[in-house]
N, C-alpha and C. Protein backbone atom coordinates (compact mmCIF):
# COMPACT_ATOMS: atom_id res chain seq x y z
N UNK A 1 -65.09 88.85 -98.88
CA UNK A 1 -65.95 88.43 -99.98
C UNK A 1 -66.89 89.58 -100.34
N UNK A 2 -66.99 89.86 -101.61
CA UNK A 2 -67.89 90.92 -102.10
C UNK A 2 -69.34 90.45 -101.98
N UNK A 3 -70.15 91.22 -101.28
CA UNK A 3 -71.57 90.89 -101.15
C UNK A 3 -72.32 91.60 -102.28
N UNK A 4 -72.66 90.84 -103.31
CA UNK A 4 -73.31 91.42 -104.48
C UNK A 4 -74.70 91.97 -104.16
N UNK A 5 -75.36 91.39 -103.19
CA UNK A 5 -76.68 91.89 -102.82
C UNK A 5 -76.56 93.31 -102.24
N UNK A 6 -75.59 93.49 -101.34
CA UNK A 6 -75.37 94.82 -100.78
C UNK A 6 -74.95 95.80 -101.86
N UNK A 7 -74.09 95.34 -102.76
CA UNK A 7 -73.65 96.19 -103.86
C UNK A 7 -74.84 96.70 -104.68
N UNK A 8 -75.83 95.83 -104.86
CA UNK A 8 -77.02 96.21 -105.62
C UNK A 8 -78.03 96.99 -104.78
N UNK A 9 -77.84 96.96 -103.46
CA UNK A 9 -78.75 97.68 -102.58
C UNK A 9 -80.03 96.94 -102.28
N UNK A 10 -79.96 95.61 -102.28
CA UNK A 10 -81.12 94.78 -101.97
C UNK A 10 -80.78 93.88 -100.79
N UNK A 11 -81.79 93.33 -100.13
CA UNK A 11 -81.52 92.40 -99.02
C UNK A 11 -80.79 91.14 -99.52
N UNK A 12 -80.02 90.53 -98.65
CA UNK A 12 -79.35 89.28 -99.01
C UNK A 12 -80.38 88.26 -99.50
N UNK A 13 -80.02 87.56 -100.56
CA UNK A 13 -80.84 86.50 -101.15
C UNK A 13 -82.16 87.03 -101.71
N UNK A 14 -82.15 88.26 -102.20
CA UNK A 14 -83.34 88.89 -102.78
C UNK A 14 -83.75 88.16 -104.05
N UNK A 15 -84.99 88.42 -104.47
CA UNK A 15 -85.50 87.78 -105.69
C UNK A 15 -84.84 88.40 -106.92
N UNK A 16 -84.91 87.69 -108.02
CA UNK A 16 -84.33 88.17 -109.27
C UNK A 16 -85.02 89.46 -109.73
N UNK A 17 -86.32 89.58 -109.49
CA UNK A 17 -87.03 90.81 -109.85
C UNK A 17 -86.49 92.01 -109.06
N UNK A 18 -86.24 91.83 -107.76
CA UNK A 18 -85.69 92.90 -106.94
C UNK A 18 -84.28 93.28 -107.42
N UNK A 19 -83.51 92.27 -107.78
CA UNK A 19 -82.14 92.50 -108.24
C UNK A 19 -82.15 93.26 -109.57
N UNK A 20 -83.01 92.85 -110.48
CA UNK A 20 -83.09 93.50 -111.80
C UNK A 20 -83.52 94.96 -111.65
N UNK A 21 -84.49 95.22 -110.79
CA UNK A 21 -84.94 96.59 -110.56
C UNK A 21 -83.84 97.43 -109.94
N UNK A 22 -83.12 96.86 -108.98
CA UNK A 22 -82.02 97.57 -108.33
C UNK A 22 -80.89 97.85 -109.32
N UNK A 23 -80.62 96.88 -110.19
CA UNK A 23 -79.57 97.08 -111.20
C UNK A 23 -79.93 98.25 -112.12
N UNK A 24 -81.16 98.24 -112.57
CA UNK A 24 -81.60 99.32 -113.47
C UNK A 24 -81.48 100.68 -112.79
N UNK A 25 -81.90 100.75 -111.54
CA UNK A 25 -81.83 102.01 -110.80
C UNK A 25 -80.38 102.45 -110.61
N UNK A 26 -79.52 101.52 -110.16
CA UNK A 26 -78.11 101.86 -109.94
C UNK A 26 -77.43 102.26 -111.25
N UNK A 27 -77.72 101.52 -112.31
CA UNK A 27 -77.12 101.81 -113.61
C UNK A 27 -77.49 103.22 -114.05
N UNK A 28 -78.77 103.54 -113.95
CA UNK A 28 -79.23 104.87 -114.35
C UNK A 28 -78.59 105.97 -113.50
N UNK A 29 -78.47 105.74 -112.19
CA UNK A 29 -77.84 106.72 -111.31
C UNK A 29 -76.38 106.94 -111.69
N UNK A 30 -75.67 105.84 -111.90
CA UNK A 30 -74.24 105.95 -112.21
C UNK A 30 -74.00 106.51 -113.62
N UNK A 31 -74.83 106.10 -114.56
CA UNK A 31 -74.64 106.53 -115.94
C UNK A 31 -75.06 107.98 -116.16
N UNK A 32 -76.02 108.44 -115.39
CA UNK A 32 -76.51 109.80 -115.59
C UNK A 32 -75.83 110.82 -114.67
N UNK A 33 -74.80 110.41 -113.95
CA UNK A 33 -74.10 111.33 -113.06
C UNK A 33 -73.31 112.35 -113.87
N UNK A 34 -72.72 113.30 -113.17
CA UNK A 34 -71.93 114.34 -113.83
C UNK A 34 -70.71 113.78 -114.56
N UNK A 35 -70.18 112.67 -114.06
CA UNK A 35 -69.00 112.08 -114.70
C UNK A 35 -69.17 110.57 -114.85
N UNK A 36 -69.95 110.14 -115.85
CA UNK A 36 -70.19 108.72 -116.02
C UNK A 36 -68.92 107.91 -116.28
N UNK A 37 -67.91 108.52 -116.88
CA UNK A 37 -66.66 107.80 -117.13
C UNK A 37 -65.97 107.42 -115.82
N UNK A 38 -66.10 108.26 -114.82
CA UNK A 38 -65.51 107.95 -113.51
C UNK A 38 -66.23 106.78 -112.85
N UNK A 39 -67.45 106.51 -113.28
CA UNK A 39 -68.24 105.44 -112.68
C UNK A 39 -68.08 104.09 -113.39
N UNK A 40 -67.22 104.02 -114.39
CA UNK A 40 -67.05 102.77 -115.14
C UNK A 40 -66.68 101.60 -114.24
N UNK A 41 -65.74 101.75 -113.29
CA UNK A 41 -65.45 100.61 -112.41
C UNK A 41 -66.68 100.13 -111.63
N UNK A 42 -67.47 101.08 -111.13
CA UNK A 42 -68.68 100.72 -110.38
C UNK A 42 -69.71 100.06 -111.31
N UNK A 43 -69.83 100.58 -112.53
CA UNK A 43 -70.75 99.97 -113.51
C UNK A 43 -70.34 98.53 -113.81
N UNK A 44 -69.04 98.30 -113.92
CA UNK A 44 -68.54 96.93 -114.16
C UNK A 44 -68.87 96.02 -112.98
N UNK A 45 -68.74 96.56 -111.78
CA UNK A 45 -69.05 95.77 -110.58
C UNK A 45 -70.52 95.36 -110.55
N UNK A 46 -71.42 96.31 -110.80
CA UNK A 46 -72.83 95.95 -110.72
C UNK A 46 -73.23 95.03 -111.87
N UNK A 47 -72.55 95.15 -113.02
CA UNK A 47 -72.81 94.24 -114.16
C UNK A 47 -72.37 92.83 -113.80
N UNK A 48 -71.19 92.72 -113.17
CA UNK A 48 -70.70 91.41 -112.74
C UNK A 48 -71.67 90.79 -111.72
N UNK A 49 -72.13 91.61 -110.78
CA UNK A 49 -73.07 91.13 -109.78
C UNK A 49 -74.35 90.63 -110.45
N UNK A 50 -74.87 91.39 -111.41
CA UNK A 50 -76.08 90.98 -112.11
C UNK A 50 -75.85 89.68 -112.87
N UNK A 51 -74.71 89.55 -113.53
CA UNK A 51 -74.41 88.33 -114.29
C UNK A 51 -74.42 87.10 -113.39
N UNK A 52 -73.81 87.21 -112.23
CA UNK A 52 -73.74 86.06 -111.32
C UNK A 52 -75.10 85.79 -110.68
N UNK A 53 -75.78 86.84 -110.24
CA UNK A 53 -77.05 86.64 -109.52
C UNK A 53 -78.20 86.25 -110.45
N UNK A 54 -78.04 86.49 -111.74
CA UNK A 54 -79.12 86.13 -112.66
C UNK A 54 -78.90 84.77 -113.32
N UNK A 55 -77.73 84.18 -113.14
CA UNK A 55 -77.45 82.83 -113.64
C UNK A 55 -77.75 81.83 -112.53
N UNK A 56 -78.69 80.94 -112.77
CA UNK A 56 -79.17 80.04 -111.71
C UNK A 56 -78.05 79.23 -111.06
N UNK A 57 -77.17 78.64 -111.85
CA UNK A 57 -76.09 77.81 -111.29
C UNK A 57 -75.07 78.65 -110.53
N UNK A 58 -74.65 79.76 -111.13
CA UNK A 58 -73.68 80.63 -110.46
C UNK A 58 -74.26 81.21 -109.18
N UNK A 59 -75.54 81.56 -109.23
CA UNK A 59 -76.17 82.15 -108.04
C UNK A 59 -76.26 81.13 -106.91
N UNK A 60 -76.60 79.89 -107.25
CA UNK A 60 -76.70 78.86 -106.21
C UNK A 60 -75.36 78.68 -105.51
N UNK A 61 -74.29 78.62 -106.28
CA UNK A 61 -72.95 78.46 -105.71
C UNK A 61 -72.57 79.70 -104.90
N UNK A 62 -72.85 80.86 -105.46
CA UNK A 62 -72.53 82.11 -104.78
C UNK A 62 -73.31 82.23 -103.47
N UNK A 63 -74.60 81.92 -103.51
CA UNK A 63 -75.43 82.02 -102.30
C UNK A 63 -74.93 81.10 -101.19
N UNK A 64 -74.48 79.91 -101.57
CA UNK A 64 -73.96 78.98 -100.57
C UNK A 64 -72.69 79.55 -99.93
N UNK A 65 -71.79 80.04 -100.77
CA UNK A 65 -70.54 80.63 -100.27
C UNK A 65 -70.83 81.87 -99.42
N UNK A 66 -71.75 82.70 -99.87
CA UNK A 66 -72.11 83.89 -99.12
C UNK A 66 -72.73 83.52 -97.78
N UNK A 67 -73.59 82.52 -97.76
CA UNK A 67 -74.22 82.08 -96.52
C UNK A 67 -73.19 81.65 -95.48
N UNK A 68 -72.19 80.88 -95.92
CA UNK A 68 -71.13 80.45 -95.01
C UNK A 68 -70.32 81.64 -94.51
N UNK A 69 -70.01 82.55 -95.41
CA UNK A 69 -69.27 83.75 -95.06
C UNK A 69 -70.04 84.59 -94.04
N UNK A 70 -71.32 84.80 -94.30
CA UNK A 70 -72.14 85.62 -93.40
C UNK A 70 -72.29 84.96 -92.03
N UNK A 71 -72.31 83.64 -92.01
CA UNK A 71 -72.40 82.91 -90.74
C UNK A 71 -71.16 83.19 -89.88
N UNK A 72 -70.01 83.15 -90.53
CA UNK A 72 -68.75 83.41 -89.83
C UNK A 72 -68.72 84.84 -89.29
N UNK A 73 -69.10 85.80 -90.12
CA UNK A 73 -69.09 87.20 -89.70
C UNK A 73 -70.12 87.42 -88.59
N UNK A 74 -71.28 86.77 -88.71
CA UNK A 74 -72.32 86.92 -87.70
C UNK A 74 -71.88 86.38 -86.34
N UNK A 75 -71.11 85.30 -86.34
CA UNK A 75 -70.59 84.77 -85.07
C UNK A 75 -69.71 85.81 -84.38
N UNK A 76 -68.86 86.47 -85.17
CA UNK A 76 -67.99 87.51 -84.62
C UNK A 76 -68.83 88.69 -84.12
N UNK A 77 -69.87 89.04 -84.87
CA UNK A 77 -70.74 90.14 -84.45
C UNK A 77 -71.45 89.81 -83.14
N UNK A 78 -71.92 88.58 -83.00
CA UNK A 78 -72.58 88.17 -81.76
C UNK A 78 -71.62 88.24 -80.57
N UNK A 79 -70.36 87.91 -80.82
CA UNK A 79 -69.35 88.03 -79.76
C UNK A 79 -69.15 89.50 -79.39
N UNK A 80 -69.17 90.38 -80.39
CA UNK A 80 -69.03 91.81 -80.12
C UNK A 80 -70.20 92.32 -79.28
N UNK A 81 -71.40 91.87 -79.60
CA UNK A 81 -72.58 92.27 -78.83
C UNK A 81 -72.47 91.74 -77.39
N UNK A 82 -71.99 90.52 -77.26
CA UNK A 82 -71.78 89.95 -75.92
C UNK A 82 -70.80 90.81 -75.13
N UNK A 83 -69.70 91.20 -75.79
CA UNK A 83 -68.72 92.07 -75.14
C UNK A 83 -69.35 93.41 -74.75
N UNK A 84 -70.16 93.94 -75.62
CA UNK A 84 -70.85 95.20 -75.33
C UNK A 84 -71.74 95.05 -74.10
N UNK A 85 -72.50 93.99 -74.06
CA UNK A 85 -73.40 93.75 -72.92
C UNK A 85 -72.62 93.62 -71.63
N UNK A 86 -71.39 93.11 -71.71
CA UNK A 86 -70.55 92.93 -70.52
C UNK A 86 -69.57 94.08 -70.31
N UNK A 87 -69.80 95.16 -71.04
CA UNK A 87 -69.02 96.41 -70.92
C UNK A 87 -67.53 96.23 -71.22
N UNK A 88 -67.21 95.22 -72.03
CA UNK A 88 -65.84 95.07 -72.53
C UNK A 88 -65.80 95.80 -73.87
N UNK A 89 -65.81 97.14 -73.78
CA UNK A 89 -66.01 97.97 -74.96
C UNK A 89 -64.85 97.92 -75.94
N UNK A 90 -63.63 97.81 -75.45
CA UNK A 90 -62.48 97.75 -76.36
C UNK A 90 -62.51 96.47 -77.19
N UNK A 91 -62.87 95.38 -76.57
CA UNK A 91 -62.98 94.12 -77.31
C UNK A 91 -64.12 94.19 -78.33
N UNK A 92 -65.22 94.83 -77.95
CA UNK A 92 -66.33 95.00 -78.88
C UNK A 92 -65.89 95.81 -80.09
N UNK A 93 -65.12 96.86 -79.86
CA UNK A 93 -64.63 97.70 -80.96
C UNK A 93 -63.77 96.86 -81.91
N UNK A 94 -62.87 96.08 -81.38
CA UNK A 94 -62.00 95.24 -82.23
C UNK A 94 -62.82 94.29 -83.09
N UNK A 95 -63.79 93.65 -82.48
CA UNK A 95 -64.60 92.67 -83.23
C UNK A 95 -65.49 93.35 -84.25
N UNK A 96 -66.04 94.50 -83.90
CA UNK A 96 -66.88 95.23 -84.85
C UNK A 96 -66.06 95.75 -86.02
N UNK A 97 -64.84 96.20 -85.76
CA UNK A 97 -63.96 96.63 -86.86
C UNK A 97 -63.70 95.48 -87.82
N UNK A 98 -63.47 94.30 -87.27
CA UNK A 98 -63.25 93.13 -88.12
C UNK A 98 -64.50 92.86 -88.97
N UNK A 99 -65.66 92.92 -88.35
CA UNK A 99 -66.92 92.69 -89.08
C UNK A 99 -67.10 93.71 -90.20
N UNK A 100 -66.82 94.97 -89.91
CA UNK A 100 -66.98 96.02 -90.92
C UNK A 100 -66.00 95.84 -92.07
N UNK A 101 -64.80 95.36 -91.78
CA UNK A 101 -63.84 95.10 -92.86
C UNK A 101 -64.29 93.94 -93.73
N UNK A 102 -64.94 92.97 -93.14
CA UNK A 102 -65.38 91.80 -93.89
C UNK A 102 -66.67 92.06 -94.69
N UNK A 103 -67.57 92.81 -94.10
CA UNK A 103 -68.91 93.00 -94.68
C UNK A 103 -69.32 94.46 -94.46
N UNK A 104 -68.71 95.39 -95.21
CA UNK A 104 -68.88 96.82 -94.91
C UNK A 104 -70.27 97.40 -95.15
N UNK A 105 -71.14 96.69 -95.80
CA UNK A 105 -72.47 97.25 -96.08
C UNK A 105 -73.53 96.90 -95.05
N UNK A 106 -73.15 96.27 -93.97
CA UNK A 106 -74.12 95.83 -92.95
C UNK A 106 -74.36 96.95 -91.94
N UNK A 107 -75.57 97.52 -91.90
CA UNK A 107 -75.83 98.65 -91.01
C UNK A 107 -75.76 98.31 -89.53
N UNK A 108 -76.01 97.06 -89.15
CA UNK A 108 -75.97 96.69 -87.73
C UNK A 108 -74.62 97.00 -87.10
N UNK A 109 -73.54 96.81 -87.87
CA UNK A 109 -72.20 97.02 -87.32
C UNK A 109 -71.99 98.49 -86.97
N UNK A 110 -72.46 99.39 -87.83
CA UNK A 110 -72.28 100.82 -87.60
C UNK A 110 -73.18 101.29 -86.46
N UNK A 111 -74.37 100.73 -86.40
CA UNK A 111 -75.29 101.07 -85.31
C UNK A 111 -74.69 100.66 -83.96
N UNK A 112 -74.16 99.44 -83.91
CA UNK A 112 -73.58 98.94 -82.67
C UNK A 112 -72.31 99.70 -82.30
N UNK A 113 -71.49 100.00 -83.31
CA UNK A 113 -70.26 100.74 -83.04
C UNK A 113 -70.59 102.15 -82.54
N UNK A 114 -71.61 102.77 -83.11
CA UNK A 114 -72.03 104.09 -82.62
C UNK A 114 -72.44 104.02 -81.16
N UNK A 115 -73.14 102.96 -80.79
CA UNK A 115 -73.55 102.78 -79.40
C UNK A 115 -72.34 102.56 -78.50
N UNK A 116 -71.39 101.75 -78.95
CA UNK A 116 -70.19 101.50 -78.15
C UNK A 116 -69.48 102.82 -77.83
N UNK A 117 -69.29 103.64 -78.86
CA UNK A 117 -68.59 104.91 -78.63
C UNK A 117 -69.43 105.88 -77.80
N UNK A 118 -70.73 105.79 -77.93
CA UNK A 118 -71.58 106.63 -77.08
C UNK A 118 -71.40 106.23 -75.62
N UNK A 119 -71.35 104.92 -75.36
CA UNK A 119 -71.13 104.45 -74.00
C UNK A 119 -69.74 104.80 -73.49
N UNK A 120 -68.77 104.88 -74.38
CA UNK A 120 -67.41 105.27 -74.00
C UNK A 120 -67.31 106.77 -73.76
N UNK A 121 -68.36 107.51 -74.13
CA UNK A 121 -68.35 108.96 -73.97
C UNK A 121 -67.66 109.69 -75.11
N UNK A 122 -67.37 108.98 -76.19
CA UNK A 122 -66.71 109.57 -77.35
C UNK A 122 -67.79 109.88 -78.40
N UNK A 123 -68.43 111.04 -78.22
CA UNK A 123 -69.57 111.38 -79.07
C UNK A 123 -69.17 111.66 -80.51
N UNK A 124 -67.97 112.18 -80.73
CA UNK A 124 -67.53 112.44 -82.11
C UNK A 124 -67.36 111.12 -82.88
N UNK A 125 -66.81 110.12 -82.25
CA UNK A 125 -66.67 108.82 -82.92
C UNK A 125 -68.03 108.18 -83.11
N UNK A 126 -68.90 108.32 -82.14
CA UNK A 126 -70.25 107.79 -82.26
C UNK A 126 -70.94 108.43 -83.46
N UNK A 127 -70.81 109.73 -83.58
CA UNK A 127 -71.38 110.48 -84.70
C UNK A 127 -70.83 109.97 -86.03
N UNK A 128 -69.52 109.75 -86.06
CA UNK A 128 -68.87 109.27 -87.29
C UNK A 128 -69.43 107.92 -87.73
N UNK A 129 -69.64 107.00 -86.79
CA UNK A 129 -70.14 105.68 -87.16
C UNK A 129 -71.61 105.71 -87.55
N UNK A 130 -72.39 106.57 -86.92
CA UNK A 130 -73.78 106.70 -87.35
C UNK A 130 -73.86 107.29 -88.76
N UNK A 131 -72.95 108.21 -89.08
CA UNK A 131 -72.92 108.76 -90.44
C UNK A 131 -72.51 107.69 -91.44
N UNK A 132 -71.55 106.85 -91.07
CA UNK A 132 -71.15 105.74 -91.94
C UNK A 132 -72.31 104.76 -92.13
N UNK A 133 -73.06 104.54 -91.06
CA UNK A 133 -74.23 103.67 -91.16
C UNK A 133 -75.26 104.23 -92.12
N UNK A 134 -75.41 105.53 -92.08
CA UNK A 134 -76.34 106.21 -92.99
C UNK A 134 -75.92 105.98 -94.45
N UNK A 135 -74.62 105.92 -94.69
CA UNK A 135 -74.11 105.71 -96.04
C UNK A 135 -74.42 104.32 -96.59
N UNK A 136 -74.80 103.38 -95.73
CA UNK A 136 -75.17 102.06 -96.25
C UNK A 136 -76.47 102.14 -97.04
N UNK A 137 -77.22 103.22 -96.82
CA UNK A 137 -78.48 103.39 -97.54
C UNK A 137 -79.63 102.62 -96.92
N UNK A 138 -79.39 101.99 -95.80
CA UNK A 138 -80.41 101.20 -95.13
C UNK A 138 -80.75 101.84 -93.78
N UNK A 139 -81.99 101.69 -93.39
CA UNK A 139 -82.49 102.16 -92.09
C UNK A 139 -82.13 103.63 -91.83
N UNK A 140 -82.35 104.45 -92.85
CA UNK A 140 -81.99 105.86 -92.77
C UNK A 140 -82.68 106.56 -91.61
N UNK A 141 -83.95 106.26 -91.39
CA UNK A 141 -84.68 106.91 -90.30
C UNK A 141 -84.03 106.67 -88.96
N UNK A 142 -83.59 105.46 -88.74
CA UNK A 142 -82.97 105.12 -87.46
C UNK A 142 -81.64 105.85 -87.29
N UNK A 143 -80.83 105.87 -88.36
CA UNK A 143 -79.55 106.56 -88.25
C UNK A 143 -79.73 108.06 -88.06
N UNK A 144 -80.72 108.65 -88.71
CA UNK A 144 -80.97 110.07 -88.48
C UNK A 144 -81.42 110.32 -87.04
N UNK A 145 -82.22 109.40 -86.49
CA UNK A 145 -82.62 109.55 -85.10
C UNK A 145 -81.41 109.49 -84.18
N UNK A 146 -80.50 108.52 -84.43
CA UNK A 146 -79.29 108.41 -83.62
C UNK A 146 -78.44 109.67 -83.74
N UNK A 147 -78.32 110.19 -84.97
CA UNK A 147 -77.57 111.43 -85.17
C UNK A 147 -78.20 112.58 -84.39
N UNK A 148 -79.53 112.63 -84.42
CA UNK A 148 -80.22 113.66 -83.65
C UNK A 148 -79.91 113.55 -82.16
N UNK A 149 -79.89 112.32 -81.66
CA UNK A 149 -79.57 112.11 -80.24
C UNK A 149 -78.17 112.58 -79.90
N UNK A 150 -77.20 112.25 -80.76
CA UNK A 150 -75.82 112.64 -80.48
C UNK A 150 -75.66 114.16 -80.58
N UNK A 151 -76.23 114.75 -81.62
CA UNK A 151 -76.15 116.21 -81.73
C UNK A 151 -76.81 116.88 -80.54
N UNK A 152 -77.88 116.31 -80.05
CA UNK A 152 -78.55 116.87 -78.88
C UNK A 152 -77.63 116.81 -77.66
N UNK A 153 -76.95 115.68 -77.48
CA UNK A 153 -76.01 115.55 -76.37
C UNK A 153 -74.83 116.52 -76.51
N UNK A 154 -74.51 116.87 -77.76
CA UNK A 154 -73.41 117.80 -78.02
C UNK A 154 -73.89 119.26 -77.99
N UNK A 155 -75.18 119.44 -77.69
CA UNK A 155 -75.81 120.76 -77.62
C UNK A 155 -75.78 121.49 -78.96
N UNK A 156 -75.87 120.73 -80.03
CA UNK A 156 -75.98 121.31 -81.36
C UNK A 156 -77.43 121.12 -81.81
N UNK A 157 -78.29 121.95 -81.24
CA UNK A 157 -79.73 121.78 -81.37
C UNK A 157 -80.24 121.88 -82.80
N UNK A 158 -79.66 122.76 -83.61
CA UNK A 158 -80.12 122.89 -85.00
C UNK A 158 -79.88 121.59 -85.78
N UNK A 159 -78.69 121.01 -85.59
CA UNK A 159 -78.38 119.76 -86.28
C UNK A 159 -79.23 118.62 -85.73
N UNK A 160 -79.48 118.65 -84.44
CA UNK A 160 -80.32 117.62 -83.83
C UNK A 160 -81.72 117.69 -84.42
N UNK A 161 -82.28 118.88 -84.46
CA UNK A 161 -83.64 119.06 -84.98
C UNK A 161 -83.72 118.64 -86.45
N UNK A 162 -82.72 119.02 -87.21
CA UNK A 162 -82.69 118.66 -88.64
C UNK A 162 -82.73 117.15 -88.82
N UNK A 163 -81.93 116.43 -88.04
CA UNK A 163 -81.90 114.98 -88.15
C UNK A 163 -83.18 114.33 -87.65
N UNK A 164 -83.76 114.88 -86.59
CA UNK A 164 -85.03 114.35 -86.10
C UNK A 164 -86.13 114.52 -87.15
N UNK A 165 -86.13 115.65 -87.84
CA UNK A 165 -87.15 115.88 -88.88
C UNK A 165 -86.97 114.92 -90.05
N UNK A 166 -85.73 114.70 -90.45
CA UNK A 166 -85.47 113.74 -91.52
C UNK A 166 -85.89 112.35 -91.08
N UNK A 167 -85.58 112.00 -89.84
CA UNK A 167 -85.97 110.69 -89.31
C UNK A 167 -87.48 110.53 -89.35
N UNK A 168 -88.21 111.57 -88.95
CA UNK A 168 -89.68 111.50 -88.96
C UNK A 168 -90.20 111.25 -90.36
N UNK A 169 -89.63 111.92 -91.35
CA UNK A 169 -90.06 111.71 -92.74
C UNK A 169 -89.73 110.29 -93.21
N UNK A 170 -88.57 109.80 -92.84
CA UNK A 170 -88.18 108.43 -93.21
C UNK A 170 -89.12 107.41 -92.55
N UNK A 171 -89.48 107.65 -91.30
CA UNK A 171 -90.38 106.74 -90.61
C UNK A 171 -91.77 106.77 -91.24
N UNK A 172 -92.23 107.94 -91.69
CA UNK A 172 -93.52 108.02 -92.37
C UNK A 172 -93.51 107.17 -93.63
N UNK A 173 -92.41 107.25 -94.38
CA UNK A 173 -92.28 106.45 -95.60
C UNK A 173 -92.25 104.96 -95.26
N UNK A 174 -91.56 104.61 -94.20
CA UNK A 174 -91.47 103.21 -93.78
C UNK A 174 -92.85 102.69 -93.39
N UNK A 175 -93.63 103.52 -92.70
CA UNK A 175 -94.96 103.10 -92.28
C UNK A 175 -95.91 102.93 -93.45
N UNK A 176 -95.67 103.62 -94.55
CA UNK A 176 -96.48 103.42 -95.75
C UNK A 176 -96.27 102.02 -96.30
N UNK A 177 -95.02 101.55 -96.23
CA UNK A 177 -94.68 100.23 -96.74
C UNK A 177 -95.04 99.15 -95.73
N UNK A 178 -94.79 99.44 -94.46
CA UNK A 178 -94.99 98.46 -93.39
C UNK A 178 -95.70 99.14 -92.21
N UNK A 179 -97.05 99.23 -92.29
CA UNK A 179 -97.80 99.96 -91.27
C UNK A 179 -97.70 99.38 -89.86
N UNK A 180 -97.26 98.15 -89.74
CA UNK A 180 -97.18 97.53 -88.43
C UNK A 180 -95.76 97.56 -87.85
N UNK A 181 -94.88 98.33 -88.45
CA UNK A 181 -93.50 98.40 -87.97
C UNK A 181 -93.47 99.17 -86.65
N UNK A 182 -93.33 98.45 -85.56
CA UNK A 182 -93.38 99.05 -84.23
C UNK A 182 -92.22 100.01 -83.99
N UNK A 183 -91.05 99.72 -84.53
CA UNK A 183 -89.91 100.61 -84.33
C UNK A 183 -90.13 101.97 -84.97
N UNK A 184 -90.73 101.98 -86.16
CA UNK A 184 -91.00 103.25 -86.86
C UNK A 184 -92.03 104.05 -86.08
């Protein structure tokens, strides 16, 4: 199921004002790119998302369907975390892959998968999943910190330092919005 909230870059079940602002931002980014014609499919997608999320009846139906879908995916994710806690890493990988196929914009899946591969000792795969998590556009500071940790373990100090510096800047921005964020 297409998650229109993720497509727009807003939290699930965001307000109409947040959705409208995100639509405007995404539209401007896509339309003002070097090749706006190549972005027509993406523009159509965000327009469809806006149409559904801004119509009260369609949104109510969509939100109910999305809620049920997310519940199902979350159950699978919780099982993956359980497997991770019990060091059944291969089973965790299978379940996380399923979650990512169903709901690819959820950063938790990439964060957890990066951890699984780190525990398996496969730092290149861990790095790959943290980079994919960064592409979700959410929790950038955390993903840069994880990338810094992996690069440090790989003895690539310049890349580690670069990611740690980016993470610090992202955390500063986060603290401006949410000064009580203990993780930042």
